[in-house]
Amino acid sequence: MQVKSGAFVKSPDHEQVYVVAAVFSAAGVDEQTGVWATNASDGSGLMMSADAMAKQFTTWPDASTTDAAIREGDPVLETATGCLK
């Protein structure tokens, strides 16, 4: 996977949750956008997959199964992807 651009947004609902949206490509795959979540502002913490594309291309845990319960359709995911434009 090669990241082309990214955006980092703090969740307004959770003190320790940050959402990362990225445009990326992979072997044999056109540009895609995925969204992940982390519990550290510097990216050193636990990384979690927050949308279907992130779940398809990484093996990180599902963010919807954590205390933050970030699911597809959560407004913070749209905020993060909106920063990519």
PDB file of N, CA and C in Angstrom:
ATOM      1  N   MET A   1       0.840  -1.166   0.000  1.00  0.00           N
ATOM      2  CA  MET A   1       0.000   0.000   0.000  1.00  0.00           C
ATOM      3  C   MET A   1       0.891   1.238   0.000  1.00  0.00           C
ATOM      4  N   GLN A   2       0.549   2.195  -0.854  1.00  0.00           N
ATOM      5  CA  GLN A   2       1.280   3.462  -0.909  1.00  0.00           C
ATOM      6  C   GLN A   2       0.290   4.591  -0.648  1.00  0.00           C
ATOM      7  N   VAL A   3       0.546   5.374   0.398  1.00  0.00           N
ATOM      8  CA  VAL A   3      -0.325   6.488   0.755  1.00  0.00           C
ATOM      9  C   VAL A   3       0.008   7.691  -0.119  1.00  0.00           C
ATOM     10  N   LYS A   4      -1.017   8.271  -0.711  1.00  0.00           N
ATOM     11  CA  LYS A   4      -0.840   9.437  -1.584  1.00  0.00           C
ATOM     12  C   LYS A   4      -1.104  10.740  -0.830  1.00  0.00           C
ATOM     13  N   SER A   5      -2.103  10.745   0.052  1.00  0.00           N
ATOM     14  CA  SER A   5      -2.401  11.915   0.879  1.00  0.00           C
ATOM     15  C   SER A   5      -3.172  11.446   2.106  1.00  0.00           C
ATOM     16  N   GLY A   6      -3.178  12.280   3.134  1.00  0.00           N
ATOM     17  CA  GLY A   6      -3.869  11.897   4.354  1.00  0.00           C
ATOM     18  C   GLY A   6      -4.350  13.102   5.140  1.00  0.00           C
ATOM     19  N   ALA A   7      -5.259  12.842   6.070  1.00  0.00           N
ATOM     20  CA  ALA A   7      -5.791  13.870   6.961  1.00  0.00           C
ATOM     21  C   ALA A   7      -5.998  13.245   8.331  1.00  0.00           C
ATOM     22  N   PHE A   8      -5.805  14.047   9.370  1.00  0.00           N
ATOM     23  CA  PHE A   8      -5.824  13.589  10.756  1.00  0.00           C
ATOM     24  C   PHE A   8      -6.787  14.495  11.523  1.00  0.00           C
ATOM     25  N   VAL A   9      -7.822  13.920  12.168  1.00  0.00           N
ATOM     26  CA  VAL A   9      -8.844  14.700  12.861  1.00  0.00           C
ATOM     27  C   VAL A   9      -9.072  14.113  14.253  1.00  0.00           C
ATOM     28  N   LYS A  10      -9.160  14.970  15.261  1.00  0.00           N
ATOM     29  CA  LYS A  10      -9.481  14.516  16.616  1.00  0.00           C
ATOM     30  C   LYS A  10     -10.983  14.305  16.715  1.00  0.00           C
ATOM     31  N   SER A  11     -11.398  13.208  17.309  1.00  0.00           N
ATOM     32  CA  SER A  11     -12.817  12.935  17.494  1.00  0.00           C
ATOM     33  C   SER A  11     -13.407  13.921  18.497  1.00  0.00           C
ATOM     34  N   PRO A  12     -14.534  14.539  18.176  1.00  0.00           N
ATOM     35  CA  PRO A  12     -15.164  15.450  19.130  1.00  0.00           C
ATOM     36  C   PRO A  12     -15.877  14.704  20.261  1.00  0.00           C
ATOM     37  N   ASP A  13     -16.093  13.406  20.080  1.00  0.00           N
ATOM     38  CA  ASP A  13     -16.840  12.619  21.054  1.00  0.00           C
ATOM     39  C   ASP A  13     -15.977  11.835  22.039  1.00  0.00           C
ATOM     40  N   HIS A  14     -14.695  11.663  21.711  1.00  0.00           N
ATOM     41  CA  HIS A  14     -13.824  10.830  22.537  1.00  0.00           C
ATOM     42  C   HIS A  14     -12.498  11.536  22.763  1.00  0.00           C
ATOM     43  N   GLU A  15     -12.114  11.659  24.009  1.00  0.00           N
ATOM     44  CA  GLU A  15     -10.911  12.406  24.375  1.00  0.00           C
ATOM     45  C   GLU A  15      -9.641  11.845  23.743  1.00  0.00           C
ATOM     46  N   GLN A  16      -9.533  10.554  23.611  1.00  0.00           N
ATOM     47  CA  GLN A  16      -8.303   9.924  23.139  1.00  0.00           C
ATOM     48  C   GLN A  16      -8.453   9.227  21.792  1.00  0.00           C
ATOM     49  N   VAL A  17      -9.324   9.709  20.920  1.00  0.00           N
ATOM     50  CA  VAL A  17      -9.507   9.062  19.618  1.00  0.00           C
ATOM     51  C   VAL A  17      -9.233  10.074  18.508  1.00  0.00           C
ATOM     52  N   TYR A  18      -8.417   9.640  17.558  1.00  0.00           N
ATOM     53  CA  TYR A  18      -8.073  10.439  16.384  1.00  0.00           C
ATOM     54  C   TYR A  18      -8.403   9.605  15.160  1.00  0.00           C
ATOM     55  N   VAL A  19      -8.886  10.250  14.124  1.00  0.00           N
ATOM     56  CA  VAL A  19      -9.284   9.552  12.907  1.00  0.00           C
ATOM     57  C   VAL A  19      -8.357   9.974  11.774  1.00  0.00           C
ATOM     58  N   VAL A  20      -7.888   8.995  11.019  1.00  0.00           N
ATOM     59  CA  VAL A  20      -6.959   9.221   9.921  1.00  0.00           C
ATOM     60  C   VAL A  20      -7.610   8.742   8.627  1.00  0.00           C
ATOM     61  N   ALA A  21      -7.778   9.661   7.675  1.00  0.00           N
ATOM     62  CA  ALA A  21      -8.276   9.302   6.352  1.00  0.00           C
ATOM     63  C   ALA A  21      -7.092   9.363   5.396  1.00  0.00           C
ATOM     64  N   ALA A  22      -7.045   8.433   4.455  1.00  0.00           N
ATOM     65  CA  ALA A  22      -5.933   8.423   3.510  1.00  0.00           C
ATOM     66  C   ALA A  22      -6.394   7.969   2.138  1.00  0.00           C
ATOM     67  N   VAL A  23      -5.824   8.614   1.133  1.00  0.00           N
ATOM     68  CA  VAL A  23      -5.968   8.155  -0.252  1.00  0.00           C
ATOM     69  C   VAL A  23      -4.739   7.296  -0.511  1.00  0.00           C
ATOM     70  N   PHE A  24      -4.952   6.083  -1.004  1.00  0.00           N
ATOM     71  CA  PHE A  24      -3.838   5.161  -1.198  1.00  0.00           C
ATOM     72  C   PHE A  24      -4.047   4.328  -2.444  1.00  0.00           C
ATOM     73  N   SER A  25      -2.980   3.690  -2.875  1.00  0.00           N
ATOM     74  CA  SER A  25      -3.063   2.709  -3.954  1.00  0.00           C
ATOM     75  C   SER A  25      -2.323   1.464  -3.496  1.00  0.00           C
ATOM     76  N   ALA A  26      -2.635   0.371  -4.130  1.00  0.00           N
ATOM     77  CA  ALA A  26      -1.976  -0.903  -3.829  1.00  0.00           C
ATOM     78  C   ALA A  26      -1.789  -1.640  -5.147  1.00  0.00           C
ATOM     79  N   ALA A  27      -0.964  -2.658  -5.141  1.00  0.00           N
ATOM     80  CA  ALA A  27      -0.698  -3.417  -6.361  1.00  0.00           C
ATOM     81  C   ALA A  27      -2.004  -3.898  -6.988  1.00  0.00           C
ATOM     82  N   GLY A  28      -2.227  -3.493  -8.233  1.00  0.00           N
ATOM     83  CA  GLY A  28      -3.411  -3.917  -8.945  1.00  0.00           C
ATOM     84  C   GLY A  28      -4.704  -3.216  -8.533  1.00  0.00           C
ATOM     85  N   VAL A  29      -4.583  -2.167  -7.720  1.00  0.00           N
ATOM     86  CA  VAL A  29      -5.772  -1.469  -7.215  1.00  0.00           C
ATOM     87  C   VAL A  29      -5.642   0.017  -7.514  1.00  0.00           C
ATOM     88  N   ASP A  30      -6.693   0.596  -8.100  1.00  0.00           N
ATOM     89  CA  ASP A  30      -6.705   2.034  -8.338  1.00  0.00           C
ATOM     90  C   ASP A  30      -6.770   2.774  -7.014  1.00  0.00           C
ATOM     91  N   GLU A  31      -6.628   4.094  -7.058  1.00  0.00           N
ATOM     92  CA  GLU A  31      -6.697   4.903  -5.842  1.00  0.00           C
ATOM     93  C   GLU A  31      -7.982   4.629  -5.073  1.00  0.00           C
ATOM     94  N   GLN A  32      -7.829   4.484  -3.771  1.00  0.00           N
ATOM     95  CA  GLN A  32      -8.943   4.243  -2.861  1.00  0.00           C
ATOM     96  C   GLN A  32      -8.803   5.182  -1.672  1.00  0.00           C
ATOM     97  N   THR A  33      -9.882   5.358  -0.903  1.00  0.00           N
ATOM     98  CA  THR A  33      -9.834   6.126   0.334  1.00  0.00           C
ATOM     99  C   THR A  33     -10.251   5.216   1.472  1.00  0.00           C
ATOM    100  N   GLY A  34      -9.458   5.212   2.529  1.00  0.00           N
ATOM    101  CA  GLY A  34      -9.763   4.423   3.712  1.00  0.00           C
ATOM    102  C   GLY A  34      -9.676   5.298   4.941  1.00  0.00           C
ATOM    103  N   VAL A  35     -10.332   4.843   6.023  1.00  0.00           N
ATOM    104  CA  VAL A  35     -10.320   5.591   7.276  1.00  0.00           C
ATOM    105  C   VAL A  35      -9.969   4.654   8.418  1.00  0.00           C
ATOM    106  N   TRP A  36      -9.045   5.119   9.258  1.00  0.00           N
ATOM    107  CA  TRP A  36      -8.579   4.377  10.413  1.00  0.00           C
ATOM    108  C   TRP A  36      -8.740   5.244  11.654  1.00  0.00           C
ATOM    109  N   ALA A  37      -8.622   4.654  12.822  1.00  0.00           N
ATOM    110  CA  ALA A  37      -8.673   5.397  14.078  1.00  0.00           C
ATOM    111  C   ALA A  37      -7.469   4.985  14.915  1.00  0.00           C
ATOM    112  N   THR A  38      -7.031   5.892  15.769  1.00  0.00           N
ATOM    113  CA  THR A  38      -5.912   5.612  16.662  1.00  0.00           C
ATOM    114  C   THR A  38      -6.174   6.287  18.004  1.00  0.00           C
ATOM    115  N   ASN A  39      -5.484   5.821  19.033  1.00  0.00           N
ATOM    116  CA  ASN A  39      -5.644   6.420  20.357  1.00  0.00           C
ATOM    117  C   ASN A  39      -4.453   7.290  20.734  1.00  0.00           C
ATOM    118  N   ALA A  40      -3.632   7.650  19.798  1.00  0.00           N
ATOM    119  CA  ALA A  40      -2.463   8.499  20.083  1.00  0.00           C
ATOM    120  C   ALA A  40      -2.321   9.560  18.995  1.00  0.00           C
ATOM    121  N   SER A  41      -2.158  10.805  19.408  1.00  0.00           N
ATOM    122  CA  SER A  41      -2.084  11.900  18.440  1.00  0.00           C
ATOM    123  C   SER A  41      -0.830  11.855  17.579  1.00  0.00           C
ATOM    124  N   ASP A  42       0.181  11.108  18.009  1.00  0.00           N
ATOM    125  CA  ASP A  42       1.412  11.039  17.220  1.00  0.00           C
ATOM    126  C   ASP A  42       1.484   9.769  16.371  1.00  0.00           C
ATOM    127  N   GLY A  43       0.403   8.999  16.342  1.00  0.00           N
ATOM    128  CA  GLY A  43       0.363   7.791  15.523  1.00  0.00           C
ATOM    129  C   GLY A  43       1.074   6.596  16.121  1.00  0.00           C
ATOM    130  N   SER A  44       1.542   6.722  17.355  1.00  0.00           N
ATOM    131  CA  SER A  44       2.292   5.619  17.975  1.00  0.00           C
ATOM    132  C   SER A  44       1.398   4.631  18.717  1.00  0.00           C
ATOM    133  N   GLY A  45       0.116   4.900  18.795  1.00  0.00           N
ATOM    134  CA  GLY A  45      -0.788   4.055  19.569  1.00  0.00           C
ATOM    135  C   GLY A  45      -1.402   2.935  18.762  1.00  0.00           C
ATOM    136  N   LEU A  46      -2.465   2.398  19.285  1.00  0.00           N
ATOM    137  CA  LEU A  46      -3.217   1.330  18.645  1.00  0.00           C
ATOM    138  C   LEU A  46      -3.890   1.863  17.390  1.00  0.00           C
ATOM    139  N   MET A  47      -3.711   1.191  16.284  1.00  0.00           N
ATOM    140  CA  MET A  47      -4.373   1.553  15.033  1.00  0.00           C
ATOM    141  C   MET A  47      -5.547   0.607  14.820  1.00  0.00           C
ATOM    142  N   MET A  48      -6.681   1.160  14.369  1.00  0.00           N
ATOM    143  CA  MET A  48      -7.894   0.377  14.149  1.00  0.00           C
ATOM    144  C   MET A  48      -8.493   0.737  12.793  1.00  0.00           C
ATOM    145  N   SER A  49      -9.090  -0.219  12.146  1.00  0.00           N
ATOM    146  CA  SER A  49      -9.763   0.007  10.868  1.00  0.00           C
ATOM    147  C   SER A  49     -11.166   0.542  11.143  1.00  0.00           C
ATOM    148  N   ALA A  50     -11.523   1.675  10.503  1.00  0.00           N
ATOM    149  CA  ALA A  50     -12.797   2.316  10.804  1.00  0.00           C
ATOM    150  C   ALA A  50     -13.825   2.222   9.683  1.00  0.00           C
ATOM    151  N   ASP A  51     -13.412   1.868   8.470  1.00  0.00           N
ATOM    152  CA  ASP A  51     -14.391   1.711   7.390  1.00  0.00           C
ATOM    153  C   ASP A  51     -14.074   0.456   6.584  1.00  0.00           C
ATOM    154  N   ALA A  52     -14.955   0.128   5.660  1.00  0.00           N
ATOM    155  CA  ALA A  52     -14.814  -1.120   4.892  1.00  0.00           C
ATOM    156  C   ALA A  52     -13.511  -1.182   4.111  1.00  0.00           C
ATOM    157  N   MET A  53     -13.099  -0.065   3.529  1.00  0.00           N
ATOM    158  CA  MET A  53     -11.861  -0.067   2.743  1.00  0.00           C
ATOM    159  C   MET A  53     -10.654  -0.318   3.648  1.00  0.00           C
ATOM    160  N   ALA A  54     -10.635   0.318   4.815  1.00  0.00           N
ATOM    161  CA  ALA A  54      -9.536   0.093   5.764  1.00  0.00           C
ATOM    162  C   ALA A  54      -9.501  -1.364   6.206  1.00  0.00           C
ATOM    163  N   LYS A  55     -10.670  -1.938   6.439  1.00  0.00           N
ATOM    164  CA  LYS A  55     -10.749  -3.337   6.865  1.00  0.00           C
ATOM    165  C   LYS A  55     -10.273  -4.281   5.766  1.00  0.00           C
ATOM    166  N   GLN A  56     -10.515  -3.898   4.515  1.00  0.00           N
ATOM    167  CA  GLN A  56     -10.116  -4.740   3.385  1.00  0.00           C
ATOM    168  C   GLN A  56      -8.604  -4.741   3.178  1.00  0.00           C
ATOM    169  N   PHE A  57      -7.944  -3.608   3.442  1.00  0.00           N
ATOM    170  CA  PHE A  57      -6.528  -3.487   3.108  1.00  0.00           C
ATOM    171  C   PHE A  57      -5.570  -3.545   4.293  1.00  0.00           C
ATOM    172  N   THR A  58      -6.079  -3.598   5.514  1.00  0.00           N
ATOM    173  CA  THR A  58      -5.209  -3.753   6.684  1.00  0.00           C
ATOM    174  C   THR A  58      -5.793  -4.807   7.621  1.00  0.00           C
ATOM    175  N   THR A  59      -4.977  -5.296   8.503  1.00  0.00           N
ATOM    176  CA  THR A  59      -5.425  -6.322   9.439  1.00  0.00           C
ATOM    177  C   THR A  59      -5.578  -5.777  10.855  1.00  0.00           C
ATOM    178  N   TRP A  60      -5.623  -4.465  10.972  1.00  0.00           N
ATOM    179  CA  TRP A  60      -5.792  -3.866  12.298  1.00  0.00           C
ATOM    180  C   TRP A  60      -7.195  -4.143  12.827  1.00  0.00           C
ATOM    181  N   PRO A  61      -7.366  -4.107  14.147  1.00  0.00           N
ATOM    182  CA  PRO A  61      -8.683  -4.406  14.739  1.00  0.00           C
ATOM    183  C   PRO A  61      -9.778  -3.474  14.229  1.00  0.00           C
ATOM    184  N   ASP A  62     -11.001  -3.947  14.327  1.00  0.00           N
ATOM    185  CA  ASP A  62     -12.186  -3.200  13.909  1.00  0.00           C
ATOM    186  C   ASP A  62     -12.517  -2.146  14.967  1.00  0.00           C
ATOM    187  N   ALA A  63     -12.520  -0.874  14.595  1.00  0.00           N
ATOM    188  CA  ALA A  63     -12.772   0.223  15.538  1.00  0.00           C
ATOM    189  C   ALA A  63     -14.170   0.156  16.148  1.00  0.00           C
ATOM    190  N   SER A  64     -15.105  -0.495  15.479  1.00  0.00           N
ATOM    191  CA  SER A  64     -16.471  -0.571  16.012  1.00  0.00           C
ATOM    192  C   SER A  64     -16.570  -1.492  17.221  1.00  0.00           C
ATOM    193  N   THR A  65     -15.556  -2.322  17.438  1.00  0.00           N
ATOM    194  CA  THR A  65     -15.591  -3.255  18.566  1.00  0.00           C
ATOM    195  C   THR A  65     -14.843  -2.721  19.790  1.00  0.00           C
ATOM    196  N   THR A  66     -14.395  -1.470  19.750  1.00  0.00           N
ATOM    197  CA  THR A  66     -13.671  -0.866  20.870  1.00  0.00           C
ATOM    198  C   THR A  66     -14.609  -0.006  21.707  1.00  0.00           C
ATOM    199  N   ASP A  67     -14.111   0.527  22.819  1.00  0.00           N
ATOM    200  CA  ASP A  67     -14.912   1.425  23.654  1.00  0.00           C
ATOM    201  C   ASP A  67     -15.363   2.656  22.884  1.00  0.00           C
ATOM    202  N   ALA A  68     -14.570   3.110  21.935  1.00  0.00           N
ATOM    203  CA  ALA A  68     -14.944   4.280  21.135  1.00  0.00           C
ATOM    204  C   ALA A  68     -16.110   3.959  20.203  1.00  0.00           C
ATOM    205  N   ALA A  69     -16.245   2.706  19.822  1.00  0.00           N
ATOM    206  CA  ALA A  69     -17.339   2.232  18.962  1.00  0.00           C
ATOM    207  C   ALA A  69     -17.511   3.098  17.713  1.00  0.00           C
ATOM    208  N   ILE A  70     -16.420   3.374  17.029  1.00  0.00           N
ATOM    209  CA  ILE A  70     -16.492   4.163  15.797  1.00  0.00           C
ATOM    210  C   ILE A  70     -16.936   3.241  14.674  1.00  0.00           C
ATOM    211  N   ARG A  71     -18.062   3.597  14.072  1.00  0.00           N
ATOM    212  CA  ARG A  71     -18.654   2.781  13.015  1.00  0.00           C
ATOM    213  C   ARG A  71     -18.753   3.578  11.720  1.00  0.00           C
ATOM    214  N   GLU A  72     -18.904   2.869  10.619  1.00  0.00           N
ATOM    215  CA  GLU A  72     -19.137   3.562   9.345  1.00  0.00           C
ATOM    216  C   GLU A  72     -20.372   4.432   9.506  1.00  0.00           C
ATOM    217  N   GLY A  73     -20.316   5.616   8.930  1.00  0.00           N
ATOM    218  CA  GLY A  73     -21.409   6.562   9.066  1.00  0.00           C
ATOM    219  C   GLY A  73     -21.211   7.545  10.206  1.00  0.00           C
ATOM    220  N   ASP A  74     -20.223   7.292  11.084  1.00  0.00           N
ATOM    221  CA  ASP A  74     -19.910   8.239  12.161  1.00  0.00           C
ATOM    222  C   ASP A  74     -19.484   9.553  11.517  1.00  0.00           C
ATOM    223  N   PRO A  75     -20.039  10.674  11.944  1.00  0.00           N
ATOM    224  CA  PRO A  75     -19.701  11.957  11.316  1.00  0.00           C
ATOM    225  C   PRO A  75     -18.206  12.284  11.289  1.00  0.00           C
ATOM    226  N   VAL A  76     -17.441  11.830  12.273  1.00  0.00           N
ATOM    227  CA  VAL A  76     -16.008  12.147  12.288  1.00  0.00           C
ATOM    228  C   VAL A  76     -15.283  11.498  11.107  1.00  0.00           C
ATOM    229  N   LEU A  77     -15.785  10.391  10.609  1.00  0.00           N
ATOM    230  CA  LEU A  77     -15.176   9.752   9.434  1.00  0.00           C
ATOM    231  C   LEU A  77     -15.364  10.647   8.213  1.00  0.00           C
ATOM    232  N   GLU A  78     -16.556  11.205   8.078  1.00  0.00           N
ATOM    233  CA  GLU A  78     -16.825  12.113   6.966  1.00  0.00           C
ATOM    234  C   GLU A  78     -16.007  13.401   7.095  1.00  0.00           C
ATOM    235  N   THR A  79     -15.839  13.866   8.323  1.00  0.00           N
ATOM    236  CA  THR A  79     -15.011  15.062   8.546  1.00  0.00           C
ATOM    237  C   THR A  79     -13.592  14.808   8.069  1.00  0.00           C
ATOM    238  N   ALA A  80     -13.038  13.664   8.442  1.00  0.00           N
ATOM    239  CA  ALA A  80     -11.655  13.335   8.048  1.00  0.00           C
ATOM    240  C   ALA A  80     -11.526  13.191   6.542  1.00  0.00           C
ATOM    241  N   THR A  81     -12.445  12.485   5.889  1.00  0.00           N
ATOM    242  CA  THR A  81     -12.336  12.322   4.432  1.00  0.00           C
ATOM    243  C   THR A  81     -12.582  13.661   3.729  1.00  0.00           C
ATOM    244  N   GLY A  82     -13.412  14.516   4.308  1.00  0.00           N
ATOM    245  CA  GLY A  82     -13.637  15.823   3.732  1.00  0.00           C
ATOM    246  C   GLY A  82     -12.394  16.687   3.718  1.00  0.00           C
ATOM    247  N   CYS A  83     -11.477  16.442   4.625  1.00  0.00           N
ATOM    248  CA  CYS A  83     -10.210  17.190   4.668  1.00  0.00           C
ATOM    249  C   CYS A  83      -9.268  16.799   3.527  1.00  0.00           C
ATOM    250  N   LEU A  84      -9.552  15.695   2.864  1.00  0.00           N
ATOM    251  CA  LEU A  84      -8.711  15.236   1.761  1.00  0.00           C
ATOM    252  C   LEU A  84      -8.985  16.008   0.484  1.00  0.00           C
ATOM    253  N   LYS A  85     -10.069  16.721   0.406  1.00  0.00           N
ATOM    254  CA  LYS A  85     -10.476  17.400  -0.829  1.00  0.00           C
ATOM    255  C   LYS A  85      -9.908  18.780  -0.932  1.00  0.00           C
TER     256      LYS A  85
END
